[in-house]
Amino acid sequence: MWAAAVFLYVFLSGVSPFLDDSIEETTANILKVDFSYPARYFANISSDACLLLTRLLVSQANQRPTARQCLDMAWFHQKTSPSNVIPSDRLQNLMERRKTKQSIAV
């Protein structure tokens, strides 16, 4: 469920929840579960979506909801259609940052 939450965060915002300036900082963010919902990326994201992410992105696996419990959460039952599209350059920047950091680490 952790991986699904990270994917959903990226899918909704176009940015990584934990990515930082160095591998060490990124690792520390993951270990501390240090993430936020920056307004410039989450201004049009529902509070139900953020609540789902908050419940999934916890360090203790036994404290995360199951897939079945997630499907019962309000975000999956919203009747609205997406009103905004993530700019493709945001995702492209994320991928470029990851590639650069991987090449530096090698």
PDB file of N, CA and C in Angstrom:
ATOM      1  N   MET A   1       0.824  -1.192   0.000  1.00  0.00           N
ATOM      2  CA  MET A   1       0.000   0.000   0.000  1.00  0.00           C
ATOM      3  C   MET A   1       0.871   1.260   0.000  1.00  0.00           C
ATOM      4  N   TRP A   2       2.071   1.133   0.590  1.00  0.00           N
ATOM      5  CA  TRP A   2       3.002   2.269   0.593  1.00  0.00           C
ATOM      6  C   TRP A   2       3.319   2.682  -0.834  1.00  0.00           C
ATOM      7  N   ALA A   3       3.699   1.726  -1.658  1.00  0.00           N
ATOM      8  CA  ALA A   3       4.063   2.035  -3.048  1.00  0.00           C
ATOM      9  C   ALA A   3       2.879   2.639  -3.799  1.00  0.00           C
ATOM     10  N   ALA A   4       1.687   2.132  -3.545  1.00  0.00           N
ATOM     11  CA  ALA A   4       0.492   2.682  -4.193  1.00  0.00           C
ATOM     12  C   ALA A   4       0.293   4.141  -3.788  1.00  0.00           C
ATOM     13  N   ALA A   5       0.566   4.449  -2.533  1.00  0.00           N
ATOM     14  CA  ALA A   5       0.419   5.827  -2.054  1.00  0.00           C
ATOM     15  C   ALA A   5       1.439   6.754  -2.708  1.00  0.00           C
ATOM     16  N   VAL A   6       2.672   6.296  -2.827  1.00  0.00           N
ATOM     17  CA  VAL A   6       3.700   7.118  -3.476  1.00  0.00           C
ATOM     18  C   VAL A   6       3.320   7.349  -4.934  1.00  0.00           C
ATOM     19  N   PHE A   7       2.870   6.296  -5.608  1.00  0.00           N
ATOM     20  CA  PHE A   7       2.435   6.434  -7.000  1.00  0.00           C
ATOM     21  C   PHE A   7       1.272   7.417  -7.098  1.00  0.00           C
ATOM     22  N   LEU A   8       0.295   7.304  -6.215  1.00  0.00           N
ATOM     23  CA  LEU A   8      -0.864   8.197  -6.238  1.00  0.00           C
ATOM     24  C   LEU A   8      -0.444   9.644  -5.996  1.00  0.00           C
ATOM     25  N   TYR A   9       0.470   9.865  -5.079  1.00  0.00           N
ATOM     26  CA  TYR A   9       0.974  11.215  -4.810  1.00  0.00           C
ATOM     27  C   TYR A   9       1.572  11.807  -6.083  1.00  0.00           C
ATOM     28  N   VAL A  10       2.419  11.024  -6.759  1.00  0.00           N
ATOM     29  CA  VAL A  10       3.045  11.495  -8.002  1.00  0.00           C
ATOM     30  C   VAL A  10       1.988  11.698  -9.078  1.00  0.00           C
ATOM     31  N   PHE A  11       1.046  10.780  -9.179  1.00  0.00           N
ATOM     32  CA  PHE A  11      -0.020  10.861 -10.176  1.00  0.00           C
ATOM     33  C   PHE A  11      -0.855  12.126  -9.992  1.00  0.00           C
ATOM     34  N   LEU A  12      -1.167  12.467  -8.755  1.00  0.00           N
ATOM     35  CA  LEU A  12      -2.007  13.636  -8.489  1.00  0.00           C
ATOM     36  C   LEU A  12      -1.253  14.959  -8.612  1.00  0.00           C
ATOM     37  N   SER A  13       0.008  14.962  -8.209  1.00  0.00           N
ATOM     38  CA  SER A  13       0.744  16.227  -8.127  1.00  0.00           C
ATOM     39  C   SER A  13       1.807  16.418  -9.200  1.00  0.00           C
ATOM     40  N   GLY A  14       2.335  15.320  -9.695  1.00  0.00           N
ATOM     41  CA  GLY A  14       3.435  15.409 -10.647  1.00  0.00           C
ATOM     42  C   GLY A  14       4.792  15.558  -9.992  1.00  0.00           C
ATOM     43  N   VAL A  15       4.846  15.433  -8.679  1.00  0.00           N
ATOM     44  CA  VAL A  15       6.111  15.512  -7.942  1.00  0.00           C
ATOM     45  C   VAL A  15       6.186  14.360  -6.938  1.00  0.00           C
ATOM     46  N   SER A  16       7.392  14.065  -6.505  1.00  0.00           N
ATOM     47  CA  SER A  16       7.609  12.996  -5.530  1.00  0.00           C
ATOM     48  C   SER A  16       7.350  13.501  -4.113  1.00  0.00           C
ATOM     49  N   PRO A  17       6.770  12.665  -3.252  1.00  0.00           N
ATOM     50  CA  PRO A  17       6.522  13.117  -1.885  1.00  0.00           C
ATOM     51  C   PRO A  17       7.790  13.265  -1.047  1.00  0.00           C
ATOM     52  N   PHE A  18       8.863  12.552  -1.395  1.00  0.00           N
ATOM     53  CA  PHE A  18      10.049  12.523  -0.541  1.00  0.00           C
ATOM     54  C   PHE A  18      11.315  13.058  -1.193  1.00  0.00           C
ATOM     55  N   LEU A  19      11.310  13.264  -2.487  1.00  0.00           N
ATOM     56  CA  LEU A  19      12.514  13.660  -3.207  1.00  0.00           C
ATOM     57  C   LEU A  19      13.079  14.965  -2.664  1.00  0.00           C
ATOM     58  N   ASP A  20      14.391  14.962  -2.435  1.00  0.00           N
ATOM     59  CA  ASP A  20      15.063  16.145  -1.903  1.00  0.00           C
ATOM     60  C   ASP A  20      16.346  16.373  -2.690  1.00  0.00           C
ATOM     61  N   ASP A  21      17.198  17.244  -2.206  1.00  0.00           N
ATOM     62  CA  ASP A  21      18.393  17.642  -2.946  1.00  0.00           C
ATOM     63  C   ASP A  21      19.490  16.586  -2.991  1.00  0.00           C
ATOM     64  N   SER A  22      19.463  15.623  -2.087  1.00  0.00           N
ATOM     65  CA  SER A  22      20.480  14.572  -2.095  1.00  0.00           C
ATOM     66  C   SER A  22      19.832  13.235  -1.760  1.00  0.00           C
ATOM     67  N   ILE A  23      20.555  12.172  -2.048  1.00  0.00           N
ATOM     68  CA  ILE A  23      20.055  10.837  -1.723  1.00  0.00           C
ATOM     69  C   ILE A  23      19.879  10.697  -0.216  1.00  0.00           C
ATOM     70  N   GLU A  24      20.815  11.259   0.541  1.00  0.00           N
ATOM     71  CA  GLU A  24      20.736  11.186   2.000  1.00  0.00           C
ATOM     72  C   GLU A  24      19.490  11.901   2.525  1.00  0.00           C
ATOM     73  N   GLU A  25      19.202  13.078   1.988  1.00  0.00           N
ATOM     74  CA  GLU A  25      18.013  13.827   2.421  1.00  0.00           C
ATOM     75  C   GLU A  25      16.732  13.112   1.999  1.00  0.00           C
ATOM     76  N   THR A  26      16.729  12.551   0.806  1.00  0.00           N
ATOM     77  CA  THR A  26      15.561  11.800   0.344  1.00  0.00           C
ATOM     78  C   THR A  26      15.333  10.594   1.239  1.00  0.00           C
ATOM     79  N   THR A  27      16.402   9.868   1.548  1.00  0.00           N
ATOM     80  CA  THR A  27      16.296   8.705   2.434  1.00  0.00           C
ATOM     81  C   THR A  27      15.787   9.113   3.807  1.00  0.00           C
ATOM     82  N   ALA A  28      16.305  10.203   4.333  1.00  0.00           N
ATOM     83  CA  ALA A  28      15.842  10.698   5.638  1.00  0.00           C
ATOM     84  C   ALA A  28      14.361  11.051   5.589  1.00  0.00           C
ATOM     85  N   ASN A  29      13.921  11.677   4.515  1.00  0.00           N
ATOM     86  CA  ASN A  29      12.501  12.025   4.369  1.00  0.00           C
ATOM     87  C   ASN A  29      11.635  10.771   4.376  1.00  0.00           C
ATOM     88  N   ILE A  30      12.092   9.728   3.682  1.00  0.00           N
ATOM     89  CA  ILE A  30      11.338   8.472   3.641  1.00  0.00           C
ATOM     90  C   ILE A  30      11.281   7.860   5.034  1.00  0.00           C
ATOM     91  N   LEU A  31      12.426   7.758   5.693  1.00  0.00           N
ATOM     92  CA  LEU A  31      12.479   7.132   7.017  1.00  0.00           C
ATOM     93  C   LEU A  31      11.651   7.884   8.050  1.00  0.00           C
ATOM     94  N   LYS A  32      11.600   9.200   7.938  1.00  0.00           N
ATOM     95  CA  LYS A  32      10.809  10.023   8.871  1.00  0.00           C
ATOM     96  C   LYS A  32       9.369  10.198   8.391  1.00  0.00           C
ATOM     97  N   VAL A  33       9.080   9.686   7.199  1.00  0.00           N
ATOM     98  CA  VAL A  33       7.785   9.907   6.542  1.00  0.00           C
ATOM     99  C   VAL A  33       7.501  11.406   6.531  1.00  0.00           C
ATOM    100  N   ASP A  34       8.479  12.146   6.057  1.00  0.00           N
ATOM    101  CA  ASP A  34       8.420  13.608   6.025  1.00  0.00           C
ATOM    102  C   ASP A  34       7.985  14.068   4.634  1.00  0.00           C
ATOM    103  N   PHE A  35       6.712  14.381   4.522  1.00  0.00           N
ATOM    104  CA  PHE A  35       6.160  14.873   3.261  1.00  0.00           C
ATOM    105  C   PHE A  35       5.115  15.927   3.578  1.00  0.00           C
ATOM    106  N   SER A  36       4.722  16.667   2.566  1.00  0.00           N
ATOM    107  CA  SER A  36       3.706  17.703   2.756  1.00  0.00           C
ATOM    108  C   SER A  36       2.880  17.806   1.481  1.00  0.00           C
ATOM    109  N   TYR A  37       1.950  18.724   1.490  1.00  0.00           N
ATOM    110  CA  TYR A  37       1.090  18.979   0.333  1.00  0.00           C
ATOM    111  C   TYR A  37       1.289  20.430  -0.107  1.00  0.00           C
ATOM    112  N   PRO A  38       2.370  20.715  -0.824  1.00  0.00           N
ATOM    113  CA  PRO A  38       2.619  22.100  -1.248  1.00  0.00           C
ATOM    114  C   PRO A  38       1.452  22.648  -2.068  1.00  0.00           C
ATOM    115  N   ALA A  39       1.027  23.841  -1.722  1.00  0.00           N
ATOM    116  CA  ALA A  39      -0.142  24.446  -2.371  1.00  0.00           C
ATOM    117  C   ALA A  39       0.014  24.546  -3.880  1.00  0.00           C
ATOM    118  N   ARG A  40       1.229  24.800  -4.348  1.00  0.00           N
ATOM    119  CA  ARG A  40       1.386  24.965  -5.800  1.00  0.00           C
ATOM    120  C   ARG A  40       1.130  23.668  -6.561  1.00  0.00           C
ATOM    121  N   TYR A  41       1.205  22.523  -5.876  1.00  0.00           N
ATOM    122  CA  TYR A  41       0.918  21.243  -6.522  1.00  0.00           C
ATOM    123  C   TYR A  41      -0.434  20.667  -6.113  1.00  0.00           C
ATOM    124  N   PHE A  42      -0.931  21.045  -4.950  1.00  0.00           N
ATOM    125  CA  PHE A  42      -2.146  20.429  -4.417  1.00  0.00           C
ATOM    126  C   PHE A  42      -3.331  21.387  -4.306  1.00  0.00           C
ATOM    127  N   ALA A  43      -3.228  22.555  -4.884  1.00  0.00           N
ATOM    128  CA  ALA A  43      -4.311  23.538  -4.783  1.00  0.00           C
ATOM    129  C   ALA A  43      -5.636  22.989  -5.304  1.00  0.00           C
ATOM    130  N   ASN A  44      -5.584  22.174  -6.334  1.00  0.00           N
ATOM    131  CA  ASN A  44      -6.813  21.646  -6.934  1.00  0.00           C
ATOM    132  C   ASN A  44      -7.069  20.182  -6.590  1.00  0.00           C
ATOM    133  N   ILE A  45      -6.369  19.676  -5.599  1.00  0.00           N
ATOM    134  CA  ILE A  45      -6.532  18.285  -5.179  1.00  0.00           C
ATOM    135  C   ILE A  45      -7.454  18.260  -3.964  1.00  0.00           C
ATOM    136  N   SER A  46      -8.417  17.368  -3.982  1.00  0.00           N
ATOM    137  CA  SER A  46      -9.423  17.336  -2.917  1.00  0.00           C
ATOM    138  C   SER A  46      -8.826  16.936  -1.571  1.00  0.00           C
ATOM    139  N   SER A  47      -9.494  17.376  -0.528  1.00  0.00           N
ATOM    140  CA  SER A  47      -9.070  16.995   0.822  1.00  0.00           C
ATOM    141  C   SER A  47      -9.238  15.495   1.028  1.00  0.00           C
ATOM    142  N   ASP A  48     -10.211  14.877   0.342  1.00  0.00           N
ATOM    143  CA  ASP A  48     -10.385  13.424   0.435  1.00  0.00           C
ATOM    144  C   ASP A  48      -9.178  12.685  -0.136  1.00  0.00           C
ATOM    145  N   ALA A  49      -8.612  13.196  -1.225  1.00  0.00           N
ATOM    146  CA  ALA A  49      -7.414  12.583  -1.807  1.00  0.00           C
ATOM    147  C   ALA A  49      -6.240  12.721  -0.843  1.00  0.00           C
ATOM    148  N   CYS A  50      -6.090  13.888  -0.256  1.00  0.00           N
ATOM    149  CA  CYS A  50      -4.996  14.111   0.701  1.00  0.00           C
ATOM    150  C   CYS A  50      -5.167  13.244   1.944  1.00  0.00           C
ATOM    151  N   LEU A  51      -6.401  13.068   2.389  1.00  0.00           N
ATOM    152  CA  LEU A  51      -6.664  12.211   3.545  1.00  0.00           C
ATOM    153  C   LEU A  51      -6.271  10.767   3.233  1.00  0.00           C
ATOM    154  N   LEU A  52      -6.604  10.293   2.049  1.00  0.00           N
ATOM    155  CA  LEU A  52      -6.217   8.943   1.638  1.00  0.00           C
ATOM    156  C   LEU A  52      -4.696   8.801   1.678  1.00  0.00           C
ATOM    157  N   LEU A  53      -3.992   9.762   1.108  1.00  0.00           N
ATOM    158  CA  LEU A  53      -2.526   9.720   1.112  1.00  0.00           C
ATOM    159  C   LEU A  53      -1.972   9.741   2.535  1.00  0.00           C
ATOM    160  N   THR A  54      -2.526  10.591   3.373  1.00  0.00           N
ATOM    161  CA  THR A  54      -2.062  10.700   4.754  1.00  0.00           C
ATOM    162  C   THR A  54      -2.233   9.381   5.492  1.00  0.00           C
ATOM    163  N   ARG A  55      -3.328   8.699   5.251  1.00  0.00           N
ATOM    164  CA  ARG A  55      -3.570   7.417   5.924  1.00  0.00           C
ATOM    165  C   ARG A  55      -2.672   6.304   5.390  1.00  0.00           C
ATOM    166  N   LEU A  56      -2.294   6.413   4.123  1.00  0.00           N
ATOM    167  CA  LEU A  56      -1.440   5.380   3.526  1.00  0.00           C
ATOM    168  C   LEU A  56       0.042   5.599   3.804  1.00  0.00           C
ATOM    169  N   LEU A  57       0.465   6.843   3.858  1.00  0.00           N
ATOM    170  CA  LEU A  57       1.887   7.141   4.033  1.00  0.00           C
ATOM    171  C   LEU A  57       2.239   7.225   5.520  1.00  0.00           C
ATOM    172  N   VAL A  58       2.147   6.094   6.179  1.00  0.00           N
ATOM    173  CA  VAL A  58       2.561   5.965   7.576  1.00  0.00           C
ATOM    174  C   VAL A  58       3.626   4.875   7.643  1.00  0.00           C
ATOM    175  N   SER A  59       4.537   5.000   8.602  1.00  0.00           N
ATOM    176  CA  SER A  59       5.678   4.084   8.650  1.00  0.00           C
ATOM    177  C   SER A  59       5.297   2.654   9.027  1.00  0.00           C
ATOM    178  N   GLN A  60       4.328   2.486   9.883  1.00  0.00           N
ATOM    179  CA  GLN A  60       3.935   1.149  10.331  1.00  0.00           C
ATOM    180  C   GLN A  60       2.897   0.545   9.382  1.00  0.00           C
ATOM    181  N   ALA A  61       3.277  -0.521   8.705  1.00  0.00           N
ATOM    182  CA  ALA A  61       2.397  -1.141   7.709  1.00  0.00           C
ATOM    183  C   ALA A  61       1.058  -1.562   8.309  1.00  0.00           C
ATOM    184  N   ASN A  62       1.066  -2.019   9.554  1.00  0.00           N
ATOM    185  CA  ASN A  62      -0.189  -2.473  10.163  1.00  0.00           C
ATOM    186  C   ASN A  62      -1.134  -1.322  10.503  1.00  0.00           C
ATOM    187  N   GLN A  63      -0.664  -0.080  10.372  1.00  0.00           N
ATOM    188  CA  GLN A  63      -1.520   1.079  10.616  1.00  0.00           C
ATOM    189  C   GLN A  63      -2.120   1.639   9.327  1.00  0.00           C
ATOM    190  N   ARG A  64      -1.695   1.098   8.188  1.00  0.00           N
ATOM    191  CA  ARG A  64      -2.232   1.543   6.899  1.00  0.00           C
ATOM    192  C   ARG A  64      -3.525   0.793   6.601  1.00  0.00           C
ATOM    193  N   PRO A  65      -4.458   1.457   5.914  1.00  0.00           N
ATOM    194  CA  PRO A  65      -5.670   0.745   5.510  1.00  0.00           C
ATOM    195  C   PRO A  65      -5.342  -0.302   4.446  1.00  0.00           C
ATOM    196  N   THR A  66      -6.178  -1.312   4.376  1.00  0.00           N
ATOM    197  CA  THR A  66      -6.044  -2.324   3.329  1.00  0.00           C
ATOM    198  C   THR A  66      -6.579  -1.749   2.018  1.00  0.00           C
ATOM    199  N   ALA A  67      -6.335  -2.463   0.942  1.00  0.00           N
ATOM    200  CA  ALA A  67      -6.863  -2.030  -0.357  1.00  0.00           C
ATOM    201  C   ALA A  67      -8.385  -1.932  -0.297  1.00  0.00           C
ATOM    202  N   ARG A  68      -9.027  -2.893   0.328  1.00  0.00           N
ATOM    203  CA  ARG A  68     -10.491  -2.880   0.455  1.00  0.00           C
ATOM    204  C   ARG A  68     -10.947  -1.654   1.241  1.00  0.00           C
ATOM    205  N   GLN A  69     -10.276  -1.344   2.326  1.00  0.00           N
ATOM    206  CA  GLN A  69     -10.635  -0.171   3.126  1.00  0.00           C
ATOM    207  C   GLN A  69     -10.426   1.113   2.328  1.00  0.00           C
ATOM    208  N   CYS A  70      -9.379   1.147   1.531  1.00  0.00           N
ATOM    209  CA  CYS A  70      -9.136   2.328   0.689  1.00  0.00           C
ATOM    210  C   CYS A  70     -10.274   2.534  -0.297  1.00  0.00           C
ATOM    211  N   LEU A  71     -10.730   1.453  -0.897  1.00  0.00           N
ATOM    212  CA  LEU A  71     -11.815   1.556  -1.878  1.00  0.00           C
ATOM    213  C   LEU A  71     -13.107   2.061  -1.255  1.00  0.00           C
ATOM    214  N   ASP A  72     -13.239   1.918   0.053  1.00  0.00           N
ATOM    215  CA  ASP A  72     -14.424   2.423   0.750  1.00  0.00           C
ATOM    216  C   ASP A  72     -14.289   3.894   1.146  1.00  0.00           C
ATOM    217  N   MET A  73     -13.106   4.465   0.979  1.00  0.00           N
ATOM    218  CA  MET A  73     -12.880   5.857   1.379  1.00  0.00           C
ATOM    219  C   MET A  73     -13.553   6.823   0.403  1.00  0.00           C
ATOM    220  N   ALA A  74     -13.842   8.006   0.896  1.00  0.00           N
ATOM    221  CA  ALA A  74     -14.634   8.997   0.153  1.00  0.00           C
ATOM    222  C   ALA A  74     -14.042   9.357  -1.206  1.00  0.00           C
ATOM    223  N   TRP A  75     -12.722   9.418  -1.323  1.00  0.00           N
ATOM    224  CA  TRP A  75     -12.111   9.851  -2.584  1.00  0.00           C
ATOM    225  C   TRP A  75     -12.525   8.971  -3.753  1.00  0.00           C
ATOM    226  N   PHE A  76     -12.697   7.687  -3.507  1.00  0.00           N
ATOM    227  CA  PHE A  76     -13.076   6.767  -4.580  1.00  0.00           C
ATOM    228  C   PHE A  76     -14.542   6.892  -4.976  1.00  0.00           C
ATOM    229  N   HIS A  77     -15.312   7.624  -4.210  1.00  0.00           N
ATOM    230  CA  HIS A  77     -16.747   7.742  -4.475  1.00  0.00           C
ATOM    231  C   HIS A  77     -17.161   9.135  -4.925  1.00  0.00           C
ATOM    232  N   GLN A  78     -16.200  10.006  -5.187  1.00  0.00           N
ATOM    233  CA  GLN A  78     -16.523  11.349  -5.664  1.00  0.00           C
ATOM    234  C   GLN A  78     -17.091  11.271  -7.073  1.00  0.00           C
ATOM    235  N   LYS A  79     -18.058  12.114  -7.340  1.00  0.00           N
ATOM    236  CA  LYS A  79     -18.725  12.127  -8.640  1.00  0.00           C
ATOM    237  C   LYS A  79     -18.170  13.197  -9.575  1.00  0.00           C
ATOM    238  N   THR A  80     -17.144  13.896  -9.151  1.00  0.00           N
ATOM    239  CA  THR A  80     -16.605  14.976  -9.976  1.00  0.00           C
ATOM    240  C   THR A  80     -15.579  14.445 -10.964  1.00  0.00           C
ATOM    241  N   SER A  81     -15.422  15.177 -12.034  1.00  0.00           N
ATOM    242  CA  SER A  81     -14.401  14.820 -13.017  1.00  0.00           C
ATOM    243  C   SER A  81     -13.184  15.708 -12.796  1.00  0.00           C
ATOM    244  N   PRO A  82     -12.023  15.259 -13.235  1.00  0.00           N
ATOM    245  CA  PRO A  82     -10.823  16.075 -13.034  1.00  0.00           C
ATOM    246  C   PRO A  82     -10.942  17.424 -13.727  1.00  0.00           C
ATOM    247  N   SER A  83     -10.590  18.468 -13.003  1.00  0.00           N
ATOM    248  CA  SER A  83     -10.702  19.812 -13.569  1.00  0.00           C
ATOM    249  C   SER A  83      -9.353  20.363 -14.001  1.00  0.00           C
ATOM    250  N   ASN A  84      -8.308  19.650 -13.641  1.00  0.00           N
ATOM    251  CA  ASN A  84      -6.991  20.137 -14.033  1.00  0.00           C
ATOM    252  C   ASN A  84      -6.124  18.976 -14.505  1.00  0.00           C
ATOM    253  N   VAL A  85      -5.205  19.294 -15.352  1.00  0.00           N
ATOM    254  CA  VAL A  85      -4.275  18.306 -15.879  1.00  0.00           C
ATOM    255  C   VAL A  85      -2.885  18.691 -15.400  1.00  0.00           C
ATOM    256  N   ILE A  86      -2.134  17.703 -14.949  1.00  0.00           N
ATOM    257  CA  ILE A  86      -0.771  17.971 -14.497  1.00  0.00           C
ATOM    258  C   ILE A  86       0.068  18.357 -15.702  1.00  0.00           C
ATOM    259  N   PRO A  87       0.770  19.467 -15.627  1.00  0.00           N
ATOM    260  CA  PRO A  87       1.645  19.843 -16.742  1.00  0.00           C
ATOM    261  C   PRO A  87       2.702  18.758 -16.969  1.00  0.00           C
ATOM    262  N   SER A  88       2.861  18.333 -18.200  1.00  0.00           N
ATOM    263  CA  SER A  88       3.800  17.246 -18.493  1.00  0.00           C
ATOM    264  C   SER A  88       5.231  17.619 -18.133  1.00  0.00           C
ATOM    265  N   ASP A  89       5.551  18.901 -18.159  1.00  0.00           N
ATOM    266  CA  ASP A  89       6.919  19.298 -17.812  1.00  0.00           C
ATOM    267  C   ASP A  89       7.229  19.022 -16.344  1.00  0.00           C
ATOM    268  N   ARG A  90       6.217  19.016 -15.486  1.00  0.00           N
ATOM    269  CA  ARG A  90       6.435  18.710 -14.075  1.00  0.00           C
ATOM    270  C   ARG A  90       6.894  17.261 -13.915  1.00  0.00           C
ATOM    271  N   LEU A  91       6.226  16.347 -14.613  1.00  0.00           N
ATOM    272  CA  LEU A  91       6.628  14.946 -14.560  1.00  0.00           C
ATOM    273  C   LEU A  91       7.988  14.747 -15.215  1.00  0.00           C
ATOM    274  N   GLN A  92       8.226  15.450 -16.297  1.00  0.00           N
ATOM    275  CA  GLN A  92       9.509  15.351 -16.983  1.00  0.00           C
ATOM    276  C   GLN A  92      10.632  15.837 -16.068  1.00  0.00           C
ATOM    277  N   ASN A  93      10.410  16.923 -15.353  1.00  0.00           N
ATOM    278  CA  ASN A  93      11.412  17.430 -14.412  1.00  0.00           C
ATOM    279  C   ASN A  93      11.695  16.418 -13.310  1.00  0.00           C
ATOM    280  N   LEU A  94      10.648  15.754 -12.827  1.00  0.00           N
ATOM    281  CA  LEU A  94      10.819  14.733 -11.800  1.00  0.00           C
ATOM    282  C   LEU A  94      11.710  13.610 -12.318  1.00  0.00           C
ATOM    283  N   MET A  95      11.439  13.138 -13.514  1.00  0.00           N
ATOM    284  CA  MET A  95      12.232  12.051 -14.091  1.00  0.00           C
ATOM    285  C   MET A  95      13.676  12.492 -14.332  1.00  0.00           C
ATOM    286  N   GLU A  96      13.878  13.698 -14.800  1.00  0.00           N
ATOM    287  CA  GLU A  96      15.233  14.198 -15.041  1.00  0.00           C
ATOM    288  C   GLU A  96      16.020  14.314 -13.737  1.00  0.00           C
ATOM    289  N   ARG A  97      15.365  14.786 -12.684  1.00  0.00           N
ATOM    290  CA  ARG A  97      16.037  14.883 -11.379  1.00  0.00           C
ATOM    291  C   ARG A  97      16.456  13.514 -10.883  1.00  0.00           C
ATOM    292  N   ARG A  98      15.573  12.533 -11.043  1.00  0.00           N
ATOM    293  CA  ARG A  98      15.891  11.180 -10.585  1.00  0.00           C
ATOM    294  C   ARG A  98      17.055  10.602 -11.374  1.00  0.00           C
ATOM    295  N   LYS A  99      17.061  10.794 -12.689  1.00  0.00           N
ATOM    296  CA  LYS A  99      18.161  10.281 -13.517  1.00  0.00           C
ATOM    297  C   LYS A  99      19.476  10.941 -13.139  1.00  0.00           C
ATOM    298  N   THR A 100      19.454  12.242 -12.923  1.00  0.00           N
ATOM    299  CA  THR A 100      20.667  12.967 -12.542  1.00  0.00           C
ATOM    300  C   THR A 100      21.204  12.452 -11.215  1.00  0.00           C
ATOM    301  N   LYS A 101      20.328  12.267 -10.244  1.00  0.00           N
ATOM    302  CA  LYS A 101      20.759  11.791  -8.935  1.00  0.00           C
ATOM    303  C   LYS A 101      21.293  10.369  -9.014  1.00  0.00           C
ATOM    304  N   GLN A 102      20.689   9.532  -9.855  1.00  0.00           N
ATOM    305  CA  GLN A 102      21.173   8.164 -10.008  1.00  0.00           C
ATOM    306  C   GLN A 102      22.552   8.149 -10.642  1.00  0.00           C
ATOM    307  N   SER A 103      22.776   9.002 -11.625  1.00  0.00           N
ATOM    308  CA  SER A 103      24.084   9.027 -12.285  1.00  0.00           C
ATOM    309  C   SER A 103      25.165   9.560 -11.349  1.00  0.00           C
ATOM    310  N   ILE A 104      24.811  10.477 -10.474  1.00  0.00           N
ATOM    311  CA  ILE A 104      25.769  11.007  -9.502  1.00  0.00           C
ATOM    312  C   ILE A 104      26.119   9.940  -8.472  1.00  0.00           C
ATOM    313  N   ALA A 105      25.133   9.139  -8.083  1.00  0.00           N
ATOM    314  CA  ALA A 105      25.341   8.103  -7.071  1.00  0.00           C
ATOM    315  C   ALA A 105      26.235   6.979  -7.580  1.00  0.00           C
ATOM    316  N   VAL A 106      26.271   6.769  -8.872  1.00  0.00           N
ATOM    317  CA  VAL A 106      27.067   5.680  -9.454  1.00  0.00           C
ATOM    318  C   VAL A 106      28.462   6.109  -9.595  1.00  0.00           C
TER     319      VAL A 106
END
